[in-house]
Amino acid sequence: MATNNEVDNYFIEQIENVSFANGVFRITLGTQEEDQKTRASVRLLIPANQISAILQGMASAAKDIDKKVQEKIGELAANPKAQKNPGTPIKGKAKK
C-alpha cells in the first residue's frame, strides 16, 4: 500500500471484468500471463454518478497525448536531423 505521498502503480494490459451493483461500477483490470491466461491485478470501484466524468477525462487525456505524439512525429518528419540517438555521445562533448 502506498504512503501519503506515493501512489501505487499497476501494469495493466486489459479489462478483465466490469460489473455494476449497489450504485458502484467494479472494473477489474489485469495482465496476460505467459500461458495466454489472464490474471486480475487491480479492481477499481467507481460510484455510478462519477463514471461518466472519469471516462470523459480519460478519453480527453488520451486525445491530448495523441495530439502531442502526432505533433512530435510531424516535427521529426519535417526535420529528420532533429532525431537524436541518446546512446551515442556527441563528439567534443564527452568528459574524460
C-alpha atoms as a PDB file:
ATOM      1  CA  MET A   1       0.000   0.000   0.000  1.00  0.00           C
ATOM      2  CA  ALA A   2       1.248   3.490  -0.834  1.00  0.00           C
ATOM      3  CA  THR A   3       2.127   6.092   1.732  1.00  0.00           C
ATOM      4  CA  ASN A   4       0.527   9.537   1.839  1.00  0.00           C
ATOM      5  CA  ASN A   5       2.988  10.947  -0.712  1.00  0.00           C
ATOM      6  CA  GLU A   6       3.082   7.958  -3.057  1.00  0.00           C
ATOM      7  CA  VAL A   7       0.668   6.359  -5.474  1.00  0.00           C
ATOM      8  CA  ASP A   8       0.519   2.629  -6.175  1.00  0.00           C
ATOM      9  CA  ASN A   9       1.463   1.661  -9.730  1.00  0.00           C
ATOM     10  CA  TYR A  10      -0.081  -1.268 -11.576  1.00  0.00           C
ATOM     11  CA  PHE A  11       0.854  -2.556 -15.021  1.00  0.00           C
ATOM     12  CA  ILE A  12      -2.424  -3.247 -16.820  1.00  0.00           C
ATOM     13  CA  GLU A  13      -2.939  -4.864 -20.211  1.00  0.00           C
ATOM     14  CA  GLN A  14      -6.667  -5.459 -20.360  1.00  0.00           C
ATOM     15  CA  ILE A  15     -10.071  -5.196 -18.760  1.00  0.00           C
ATOM     16  CA  GLU A  16     -10.934  -8.487 -17.088  1.00  0.00           C
ATOM     17  CA  ASN A  17     -14.484  -7.740 -15.992  1.00  0.00           C
ATOM     18  CA  VAL A  18     -16.955  -4.899 -15.479  1.00  0.00           C
ATOM     19  CA  SER A  19     -19.949  -5.210 -13.185  1.00  0.00           C
ATOM     20  CA  PHE A  20     -22.443  -2.894 -11.554  1.00  0.00           C
ATOM     21  CA  ALA A  21     -24.227  -3.352  -8.233  1.00  0.00           C
ATOM     22  CA  ASN A  22     -25.494  -1.085  -5.467  1.00  0.00           C
ATOM     23  CA  GLY A  23     -24.592   2.073  -7.383  1.00  0.00           C
ATOM     24  CA  VAL A  24     -20.944   1.109  -7.870  1.00  0.00           C
ATOM     25  CA  PHE A  25     -19.083   0.044 -11.011  1.00  0.00           C
ATOM     26  CA  ARG A  26     -16.466  -2.619 -10.339  1.00  0.00           C
ATOM     27  CA  ILE A  27     -13.829  -2.697 -13.063  1.00  0.00           C
ATOM     28  CA  THR A  28     -11.283  -5.486 -12.780  1.00  0.00           C
ATOM     29  CA  LEU A  29      -8.061  -4.882 -14.715  1.00  0.00           C
ATOM     30  CA  GLY A  30      -5.435  -7.497 -15.388  1.00  0.00           C
ATOM     31  CA  THR A  31      -2.326  -8.712 -17.135  1.00  0.00           C
ATOM     32  CA  GLN A  32      -1.697 -11.524 -19.561  1.00  0.00           C
ATOM     33  CA  GLU A  33       0.450 -14.381 -18.324  1.00  0.00           C
ATOM     34  CA  GLU A  34       2.935 -16.378 -20.408  1.00  0.00           C
ATOM     35  CA  ASP A  35       0.466 -19.219 -20.983  1.00  0.00           C
ATOM     36  CA  GLN A  36      -2.066 -16.776 -22.534  1.00  0.00           C
ATOM     37  CA  LYS A  37      -4.189 -16.849 -19.381  1.00  0.00           C
ATOM     38  CA  THR A  38      -5.024 -13.598 -17.686  1.00  0.00           C
ATOM     39  CA  ARG A  39      -4.524 -12.578 -14.075  1.00  0.00           C
ATOM     40  CA  ALA A  40      -6.513  -9.897 -12.275  1.00  0.00           C
ATOM     41  CA  SER A  41      -4.227  -7.164 -10.937  1.00  0.00           C
ATOM     42  CA  VAL A  42      -6.472  -4.455  -9.514  1.00  0.00           C
ATOM     43  CA  ARG A  43     -10.157  -3.605  -9.149  1.00  0.00           C
ATOM     44  CA  LEU A  44     -11.461  -0.069  -9.471  1.00  0.00           C
ATOM     45  CA  LEU A  45     -14.609   0.806  -7.532  1.00  0.00           C
ATOM     46  CA  ILE A  46     -16.264   3.831  -9.121  1.00  0.00           C
ATOM     47  CA  PRO A  47     -19.532   5.396  -7.939  1.00  0.00           C
ATOM     48  CA  ALA A  48     -22.091   5.387 -10.756  1.00  0.00           C
ATOM     49  CA  ASN A  49     -22.544   9.155 -10.537  1.00  0.00           C
ATOM     50  CA  GLN A  50     -18.803   9.608 -11.302  1.00  0.00           C
ATOM     51  CA  ILE A  51     -18.299   7.079 -14.117  1.00  0.00           C
ATOM     52  CA  SER A  52     -19.178   9.474 -16.953  1.00  0.00           C
ATOM     53  CA  ALA A  53     -16.779  12.193 -15.775  1.00  0.00           C
ATOM     54  CA  ILE A  54     -13.989   9.667 -15.265  1.00  0.00           C
ATOM     55  CA  LEU A  55     -14.436   8.107 -18.711  1.00  0.00           C
ATOM     56  CA  GLN A  56     -14.637  11.533 -20.369  1.00  0.00           C
ATOM     57  CA  GLY A  57     -11.495  12.612 -18.521  1.00  0.00           C
ATOM     58  CA  MET A  58      -9.603   9.528 -19.671  1.00  0.00           C
ATOM     59  CA  ALA A  59     -10.792   9.990 -23.277  1.00  0.00           C
ATOM     60  CA  SER A  60      -9.740  13.651 -23.186  1.00  0.00           C
ATOM     61  CA  ALA A  61      -6.318  12.788 -21.773  1.00  0.00           C
ATOM     62  CA  ALA A  62      -5.826  10.114 -24.456  1.00  0.00           C
ATOM     63  CA  LYS A  63      -6.725  12.642 -27.187  1.00  0.00           C
ATOM     64  CA  ASP A  64      -4.275  15.183 -25.732  1.00  0.00           C
ATOM     65  CA  ILE A  65      -1.482  12.607 -25.649  1.00  0.00           C
ATOM     66  CA  ASP A  66      -2.269  11.504 -29.209  1.00  0.00           C
ATOM     67  CA  LYS A  67      -2.194  15.124 -30.391  1.00  0.00           C
ATOM     68  CA  LYS A  68       1.228  15.682 -28.790  1.00  0.00           C
ATOM     69  CA  VAL A  69       2.604  12.468 -30.301  1.00  0.00           C
ATOM     70  CA  GLN A  70       1.303  13.407 -33.763  1.00  0.00           C
ATOM     71  CA  GLU A  71       2.829  16.888 -33.430  1.00  0.00           C
ATOM     72  CA  LYS A  72       6.187  15.354 -32.483  1.00  0.00           C
ATOM     73  CA  ILE A  73       6.018  12.934 -35.415  1.00  0.00           C
ATOM     74  CA  GLY A  74       5.280  15.879 -37.717  1.00  0.00           C
ATOM     75  CA  GLU A  75       8.246  17.832 -36.336  1.00  0.00           C
ATOM     76  CA  LEU A  76      10.587  14.879 -36.827  1.00  0.00           C
ATOM     77  CA  ALA A  77       9.294  14.278 -40.360  1.00  0.00           C
ATOM     78  CA  ALA A  78       9.853  17.954 -41.235  1.00  0.00           C
ATOM     79  CA  ASN A  79      13.362  17.959 -39.721  1.00  0.00           C
ATOM     80  CA  PRO A  80      14.891  14.445 -39.798  1.00  0.00           C
ATOM     81  CA  LYS A  81      18.209  15.789 -38.454  1.00  0.00           C
ATOM     82  CA  ALA A  82      16.417  16.641 -35.206  1.00  0.00           C
ATOM     83  CA  GLN A  83      16.264  12.938 -34.384  1.00  0.00           C
ATOM     84  CA  LYS A  84      18.906  12.039 -31.838  1.00  0.00           C
ATOM     85  CA  ASN A  85      20.219   8.754 -30.585  1.00  0.00           C
ATOM     86  CA  PRO A  86      20.598   9.314 -26.828  1.00  0.00           C
ATOM     87  CA  GLY A  87      23.007   6.365 -26.619  1.00  0.00           C
ATOM     88  CA  THR A  88      25.542   7.992 -28.972  1.00  0.00           C
ATOM     89  CA  PRO A  89      27.846  10.588 -27.433  1.00  0.00           C
ATOM     90  CA  ILE A  90      28.226  13.894 -29.259  1.00  0.00           C
ATOM     91  CA  LYS A  91      31.815  14.488 -30.410  1.00  0.00           C
ATOM     92  CA  GLY A  92      33.645  17.059 -28.364  1.00  0.00           C
ATOM     93  CA  LYS A  93      31.108  16.889 -25.513  1.00  0.00           C
ATOM     94  CA  ALA A  94      32.258  13.727 -23.763  1.00  0.00           C
ATOM     95  CA  LYS A  95      34.053  14.175 -20.464  1.00  0.00           C
ATOM     96  CA  LYS A  96      37.294  12.314 -19.905  1.00  0.00           C
END
